[in-house]
Amino acid sequence: MKISRRAFLIALAGPLMALSALNHWVGVAAAKSVPRWEMGRVRASTDASVIALGNSLIGVGFVEDSFDQGMQVDKEHGAINVAMGGSSAVEQLLMLRYALDQGMHPRDVIFGFFDFQLTHPLEYATRDLIGNRAMLYYLEPEYARGFYHLSVHDRIEFEIMRHFEVFADRGLVWENVERFRRALGQQGMPLEQSNSMGRAIDFAMLEYPSAPDFVAECGRASHNPLIPSVTEIARQAAAAGSKVYFVEMPMPPVHVETFYDEPAWDGYRTHLREMLGGLGATYVDASHWMPQESSFIDPLHLSWDGSREFSRRLGEYLRDQSPPRDQTPGQTQ
């Protein structure tokens, strides 16, 4: 049976209108996404003297009020924590650039990390650009593309997807589906250990399976340069007059004893110190600062009490490292 052109267009109009409505809904919902919320905080905090960057370890572990207390600064000129879970140094570089573009002049820039995040090359597929990484679609997308690798197929897909909210911020839809799926999967099963960051079992999977595997990676990583986005964070922060600190985040005793107490990690740490020092940045080894298991809520993240203690101590450390507040970072007494 032959379908008229008019009938075809009418049939096509329905799905297109539905997709348009969904795209609009995702766009409205995306205004409250974590990256955009953090961008809003940046716009409201241009007098902040410290900006904290990183993934969920420092996102959870850096408590602004406790840090300000240790640093002995008032809230108005204190710290802002814009670290985001599931983000890489590329997204954090974009957030730093956004803060500087909004007129922020941070005295100190802090970047928290663990394991090999500073040297592990970033290779993505478009399926990876979801959640907080979705900001790569809309915040300086052309600039950011120079700091991670996409295949030819994914580059084409990326260029199409970044123009449609329903694709760029699809994680907002998926996270609700995933919550529903996990809730169904828990029916009649023992309750899974979880916290505000997610399931503890998911974070355990981010650790290396064994000490020999970790030692082998230390050997390889000790010959790797800093990834370009990390280098740019150090360079651009220094160019803005900021003192830059890369903080090896506190880790649970089991992680420290199994991995960080290995001589191979000391060799890798020395490699990082030398590279960061060459950029004028300071390496802070805080991995052993919180030796109690009770200071952590899962295999990677600090508890609330642990976060407050770590943040206060970090503020005290930076206060001792910084010149008086009436001097610029490059001045001496």
Protein backbone atom coordinates (compact mmCIF):
# COMPACT_ATOMS: atom_id res chain seq x y z
CA MET A 1 0.00 0.00 0.00
CA LYS A 2 1.40 3.37 -1.01
CA ILE A 3 1.65 5.98 1.76
CA SER A 4 1.11 9.58 0.78
CA ARG A 5 3.72 12.18 1.56
CA ARG A 6 1.27 13.98 3.84
CA ALA A 7 0.53 10.83 5.83
CA PHE A 8 4.25 10.12 6.15
CA LEU A 9 4.96 13.63 7.47
CA ILE A 10 2.09 13.39 9.94
CA ALA A 11 3.39 10.02 11.19
CA LEU A 12 6.90 11.47 11.48
CA ALA A 13 5.72 14.55 13.34
CA GLY A 14 4.62 12.58 16.39
CA PRO A 15 8.01 11.03 17.25
CA LEU A 16 9.80 14.31 16.45
CA MET A 17 7.53 16.25 18.79
CA ALA A 18 8.10 13.63 21.51
CA LEU A 19 11.88 13.86 21.04
CA SER A 20 11.70 17.65 21.08
CA ALA A 21 9.72 17.60 24.32
CA LEU A 22 12.18 15.13 25.87
CA ASN A 23 15.11 17.27 24.75
CA HIS A 24 13.48 20.33 26.35
CA TRP A 25 12.79 18.44 29.59
CA VAL A 26 16.39 17.20 29.81
CA GLY A 27 17.61 20.74 29.14
CA VAL A 28 15.53 22.11 32.00
CA ALA A 29 16.63 19.32 34.34
CA ALA A 30 20.27 19.78 33.30
CA ALA A 31 20.24 23.29 34.74
CA LYS A 32 20.48 21.56 38.15
CA SER A 33 23.23 19.11 37.19
CA VAL A 34 26.33 18.97 39.39
CA PRO A 35 28.69 20.75 36.94
CA ARG A 36 26.24 23.60 36.36
CA TRP A 37 25.52 23.83 40.09
CA GLU A 38 29.26 24.10 40.77
CA MET A 39 29.56 26.76 38.06
CA GLY A 40 26.85 28.70 39.85
CA ARG A 41 28.75 28.43 43.13
CA VAL A 42 31.87 29.73 41.38
CA ARG A 43 29.98 32.78 40.10
CA ALA A 44 28.81 33.49 43.65
CA SER A 45 32.26 32.93 45.23
CA THR A 46 34.67 35.06 43.22
CA ASP A 47 36.26 36.33 46.47
CA ALA A 48 37.36 32.81 47.45
CA SER A 49 41.08 32.60 48.22
CA VAL A 50 41.34 28.82 47.75
CA ILE A 51 39.82 26.52 45.14
CA ALA A 52 39.84 22.73 45.56
CA LEU A 53 39.78 20.50 42.48
CA GLY A 54 39.63 16.74 41.95
CA ASN A 55 37.25 13.81 41.91
CA SER A 56 35.00 12.39 44.63
CA LEU A 57 37.89 11.78 47.06
CA ILE A 58 38.38 15.49 47.58
CA GLY A 59 34.75 16.23 46.73
CA VAL A 60 33.81 14.37 49.91
CA GLY A 61 37.07 14.83 51.79
CA PHE A 62 37.42 18.61 51.57
CA VAL A 63 35.09 20.44 53.97
CA GLU A 64 35.24 24.16 53.32
CA ASP A 65 34.40 25.34 56.85
CA SER A 66 36.96 23.02 58.47
CA PHE A 67 39.64 24.04 55.98
CA ASP A 68 38.92 27.73 56.59
CA GLN A 69 39.24 27.11 60.32
CA GLY A 70 42.65 25.51 59.87
CA MET A 71 43.73 28.18 57.40
CA GLN A 72 42.37 30.91 59.72
CA VAL A 73 40.44 32.75 57.01
CA ASP A 74 36.90 34.07 57.09
CA LYS A 75 34.17 32.35 55.10
CA GLU A 76 33.82 35.16 52.56
CA HIS A 77 37.47 34.81 51.57
CA GLY A 78 37.77 31.11 52.36
CA ALA A 79 37.76 28.01 50.21
CA ILE A 80 35.41 26.72 47.54
CA ASN A 81 35.38 23.01 46.73
CA VAL A 82 34.38 22.37 43.10
CA ALA A 83 35.62 18.77 42.94
CA MET A 84 33.19 16.38 41.24
CA GLY A 85 32.74 12.63 41.50
CA GLY A 86 33.63 10.65 38.40
CA SER A 87 35.56 13.54 36.87
CA SER A 88 39.05 13.67 35.41
CA ALA A 89 41.70 16.37 35.29
CA VAL A 90 40.16 17.66 32.03
CA GLU A 91 36.88 18.62 33.68
CA GLN A 92 38.80 20.11 36.60
CA LEU A 93 40.94 22.16 34.23
CA LEU A 94 37.75 23.51 32.64
CA MET A 95 36.37 24.37 36.08
CA LEU A 96 39.58 26.20 37.01
CA ARG A 97 39.48 28.14 33.75
CA TYR A 98 35.84 28.99 34.37
CA ALA A 99 36.65 30.29 37.86
CA LEU A 100 39.49 32.45 36.56
CA ASP A 101 37.29 33.74 33.74
CA GLN A 102 34.64 34.76 36.29
CA GLY A 103 37.19 36.95 38.05
CA MET A 104 38.31 34.62 40.85
CA HIS A 105 41.90 35.16 41.98
CA PRO A 106 42.65 32.19 44.25
CA ARG A 107 45.72 32.43 46.40
CA ASP A 108 45.96 28.64 46.49
CA VAL A 109 44.79 25.93 44.08
CA ILE A 110 44.50 22.40 45.50
CA PHE A 111 44.21 19.28 43.37
CA GLY A 112 43.50 16.01 45.22
CA PHE A 113 44.36 12.66 43.61
CA PHE A 114 45.12 9.02 44.31
CA ASP A 115 47.10 6.27 42.58
CA PHE A 116 48.05 7.09 38.96
CA GLN A 117 45.56 9.79 38.04
CA LEU A 118 48.24 12.36 37.23
CA THR A 119 49.97 10.26 34.58
CA HIS A 120 47.38 7.86 33.19
CA PRO A 121 46.43 8.89 29.62
CA LEU A 122 42.77 9.71 29.06
CA GLU A 123 41.11 7.71 26.30
CA TYR A 124 37.35 8.08 26.10
CA ALA A 125 34.45 6.87 24.02
CA THR A 126 31.26 8.91 23.86
CA ARG A 127 29.63 6.36 26.17
CA ASP A 128 32.09 7.52 28.87
CA LEU A 129 31.00 11.17 28.59
CA ILE A 130 28.11 10.88 30.99
CA GLY A 131 27.33 12.17 34.45
CA ASN A 132 29.76 14.93 35.48
CA ARG A 133 31.88 14.28 32.40
CA ALA A 134 28.94 15.54 30.33
CA MET A 135 30.32 19.04 30.87
CA LEU A 136 32.79 18.21 28.10
CA TYR A 137 29.88 18.66 25.69
CA TYR A 138 29.09 22.24 26.70
CA LEU A 139 31.97 23.94 28.56
CA GLU A 140 34.73 24.85 26.09
CA PRO A 141 34.22 21.62 24.12
CA GLU A 142 36.70 22.47 21.34
CA TYR A 143 39.41 23.44 23.82
CA ALA A 144 38.82 20.36 26.00
CA ARG A 145 39.08 17.98 23.04
CA GLY A 146 42.83 18.60 22.97
CA PHE A 147 43.24 16.81 26.31
CA TYR A 148 41.67 13.40 25.72
CA HIS A 149 41.50 10.90 22.88
CA LEU A 150 38.42 9.88 20.90
CA SER A 151 38.31 7.54 17.93
CA VAL A 152 37.26 8.96 14.54
CA HIS A 153 33.81 7.40 14.97
CA ASP A 154 33.42 8.88 18.46
CA ARG A 155 34.62 12.31 17.32
CA ILE A 156 31.85 12.42 14.71
CA GLU A 157 29.33 11.16 17.25
CA PHE A 158 30.53 13.73 19.78
CA GLU A 159 30.01 16.62 17.34
CA ILE A 160 26.42 15.53 16.73
CA MET A 161 25.55 14.75 20.35
CA ARG A 162 26.83 17.99 21.86
CA HIS A 163 24.12 19.98 20.09
CA PHE A 164 21.25 18.04 21.73
CA GLU A 165 20.55 18.12 25.47
CA VAL A 166 18.90 14.72 25.38
CA PHE A 167 22.23 13.21 24.29
CA ALA A 168 24.68 15.47 26.11
CA ASP A 169 22.91 15.16 29.49
CA ARG A 170 21.43 11.69 28.98
CA GLY A 171 22.86 10.69 32.35
CA LEU A 172 20.02 12.58 34.05
CA VAL A 173 17.60 10.08 32.54
CA TRP A 174 19.83 7.08 33.01
CA GLU A 175 20.51 7.71 36.70
CA ASN A 176 16.79 7.37 37.48
CA VAL A 177 16.60 4.17 35.45
CA GLU A 178 19.68 2.84 37.25
CA ARG A 179 18.25 3.64 40.69
CA PHE A 180 15.07 1.79 39.78
CA ARG A 181 17.02 -1.17 38.43
CA ARG A 182 19.14 -1.43 41.59
CA ALA A 183 16.07 -1.12 43.80
CA LEU A 184 14.49 -4.04 41.98
CA GLY A 185 17.71 -6.03 42.22
CA GLN A 186 17.76 -5.53 46.01
CA GLN A 187 14.36 -7.12 46.51
CA GLY A 188 14.81 -10.07 48.85
CA MET A 189 18.59 -9.57 48.99
CA PRO A 190 20.86 -8.38 51.83
CA LEU A 191 21.19 -4.60 51.85
CA GLU A 192 24.26 -3.40 49.93
CA GLN A 193 26.64 -1.04 51.71
CA SER A 194 26.38 2.39 50.10
CA ASN A 195 26.86 6.08 50.85
CA SER A 196 26.30 9.45 49.17
CA MET A 197 28.89 8.57 46.52
CA GLY A 198 27.40 5.19 45.60
CA ARG A 199 27.95 1.53 46.39
CA ALA A 200 31.06 0.55 48.35
CA ILE A 201 31.57 -2.44 46.05
CA ASP A 202 31.91 -0.11 43.05
CA PHE A 203 34.75 1.81 44.72
CA ALA A 204 36.51 -1.39 45.74
CA MET A 205 36.67 -2.25 42.03
CA LEU A 206 38.73 0.92 41.41
CA GLU A 207 41.60 -0.50 43.43
CA TYR A 208 44.28 -2.68 41.87
CA PRO A 209 43.57 -6.40 42.24
CA SER A 210 46.92 -7.16 43.91
CA ALA A 211 50.16 -5.63 45.14
CA PRO A 212 52.21 -7.18 42.28
CA ASP A 213 49.87 -5.57 39.73
CA PHE A 214 50.24 -2.24 41.50
CA VAL A 215 54.03 -2.52 41.66
CA ALA A 216 54.16 -3.34 37.94
CA GLU A 217 52.08 -0.23 37.18
CA CYS A 218 54.41 1.86 39.36
CA GLY A 219 57.28 0.76 37.14
CA ARG A 220 55.44 1.73 33.97
CA ALA A 221 54.05 5.00 35.35
CA SER A 222 57.47 6.08 36.60
CA HIS A 223 58.41 6.68 32.96
CA ASN A 224 55.21 8.52 32.03
CA PRO A 225 54.91 12.31 31.84
CA LEU A 226 52.11 14.20 33.52
CA ILE A 227 48.97 14.13 31.40
CA PRO A 228 48.51 17.46 29.55
CA SER A 229 45.46 18.54 31.54
CA VAL A 230 47.39 18.23 34.82
CA THR A 231 50.26 20.22 33.38
CA GLU A 232 47.85 22.93 32.26
CA ILE A 233 46.22 23.13 35.70
CA ALA A 234 49.64 23.81 37.22
CA ARG A 235 50.67 26.27 34.51
CA GLN A 236 47.44 28.25 34.30
CA ALA A 237 47.03 28.46 38.07
CA ALA A 238 50.61 29.68 38.44
CA ALA A 239 50.09 32.20 35.63
CA ALA A 240 47.12 33.56 37.60
CA GLY A 241 49.38 34.11 40.61
CA SER A 242 48.23 31.07 42.59
CA LYS A 243 50.31 28.65 44.61
CA VAL A 244 49.49 25.14 43.38
CA TYR A 245 49.34 22.06 45.61
CA PHE A 246 48.85 18.48 44.40
CA VAL A 247 47.64 16.47 47.38
CA GLU A 248 48.05 12.71 47.59
CA MET A 249 44.79 12.05 49.38
CA PRO A 250 44.47 10.08 52.64
CA MET A 251 43.72 6.42 52.03
CA PRO A 252 42.46 3.65 54.33
CA PRO A 253 45.14 1.69 56.20
CA VAL A 254 44.61 -1.40 54.04
CA HIS A 255 45.24 0.57 50.84
CA VAL A 256 48.32 2.24 52.34
CA GLU A 257 49.80 -0.99 53.66
CA THR A 258 49.05 -2.99 50.51
CA PHE A 259 50.09 -0.43 47.92
CA TYR A 260 51.62 2.81 49.20
CA ASP A 261 54.13 1.19 51.53
CA GLU A 262 55.71 -0.56 48.54
CA PRO A 263 59.15 0.87 47.60
CA ALA A 264 57.92 1.08 44.00
CA TRP A 265 55.35 3.68 45.04
CA ASP A 266 58.09 5.78 46.63
CA GLY A 267 59.89 5.71 43.30
CA TYR A 268 56.76 6.83 41.47
CA ARG A 269 56.10 9.52 44.07
CA THR A 270 59.62 10.87 43.56
CA HIS A 271 58.93 10.97 39.82
CA LEU A 272 55.78 13.03 40.44
CA ARG A 273 57.54 15.39 42.83
CA GLU A 274 60.22 16.15 40.27
CA MET A 275 57.77 16.80 37.45
CA LEU A 276 55.42 18.94 39.55
CA GLY A 277 58.33 20.79 41.11
CA GLY A 278 59.51 21.67 37.62
CA LEU A 279 56.17 23.43 37.12
CA GLY A 280 56.47 25.32 40.40
CA ALA A 281 53.82 23.17 42.11
CA THR A 282 54.09 21.60 45.57
CA TYR A 283 53.48 17.90 46.25
CA VAL A 284 51.72 17.17 49.54
CA ASP A 285 51.82 13.57 50.76
CA ALA A 286 48.71 13.24 52.94
CA SER A 287 48.24 9.52 52.31
CA HIS A 288 49.14 8.59 55.92
CA TRP A 289 47.37 11.48 57.65
CA MET A 290 44.30 9.45 58.64
CA PRO A 291 45.57 6.08 59.96
CA GLN A 292 42.30 4.93 61.54
CA GLU A 293 39.96 2.67 59.55
CA SER A 294 37.04 4.44 61.22
CA SER A 295 37.97 7.63 59.34
CA PHE A 296 36.71 6.07 56.08
CA ILE A 297 33.28 5.01 54.85
CA ASP A 298 34.40 2.78 51.98
CA PRO A 299 37.66 1.63 50.32
CA LEU A 300 38.42 5.16 49.09
CA HIS A 301 36.38 7.92 50.76
CA LEU A 302 36.76 9.67 54.09
CA SER A 303 33.88 9.74 56.54
CA TRP A 304 32.32 13.04 57.62
CA ASP A 305 34.44 13.20 60.77
CA GLY A 306 37.52 12.09 58.84
CA SER A 307 36.88 14.73 56.18
CA ARG A 308 36.63 17.50 58.74
CA GLU A 309 39.84 16.44 60.45
CA PHE A 310 41.72 16.13 57.17
CA SER A 311 40.44 19.50 55.92
CA ARG A 312 41.41 21.29 59.13
CA ARG A 313 44.88 19.74 59.03
CA LEU A 314 45.33 20.64 55.36
CA GLY A 315 44.33 24.22 56.13
CA GLU A 316 46.92 24.37 58.90
CA TYR A 317 49.56 22.92 56.58
CA LEU A 318 48.88 25.47 53.84
CA ARG A 319 48.77 28.30 56.38
CA ASP A 320 52.29 27.38 57.45
CA GLN A 321 53.40 27.21 53.80
CA SER A 322 51.87 30.52 52.72
CA PRO A 323 53.34 34.02 53.10
CA PRO A 324 51.32 36.57 55.11
CA ARG A 325 47.98 37.41 53.52
CA ASP A 326 49.01 40.98 52.66
CA GLN A 327 51.70 39.59 50.34
CA THR A 328 51.27 38.04 46.92
CA PRO A 329 52.49 34.44 46.49
CA GLY A 330 55.63 35.60 44.69
CA GLN A 331 56.75 38.05 47.40
CA THR A 332 59.05 37.34 50.31
CA GLN A 333 59.57 39.08 53.58
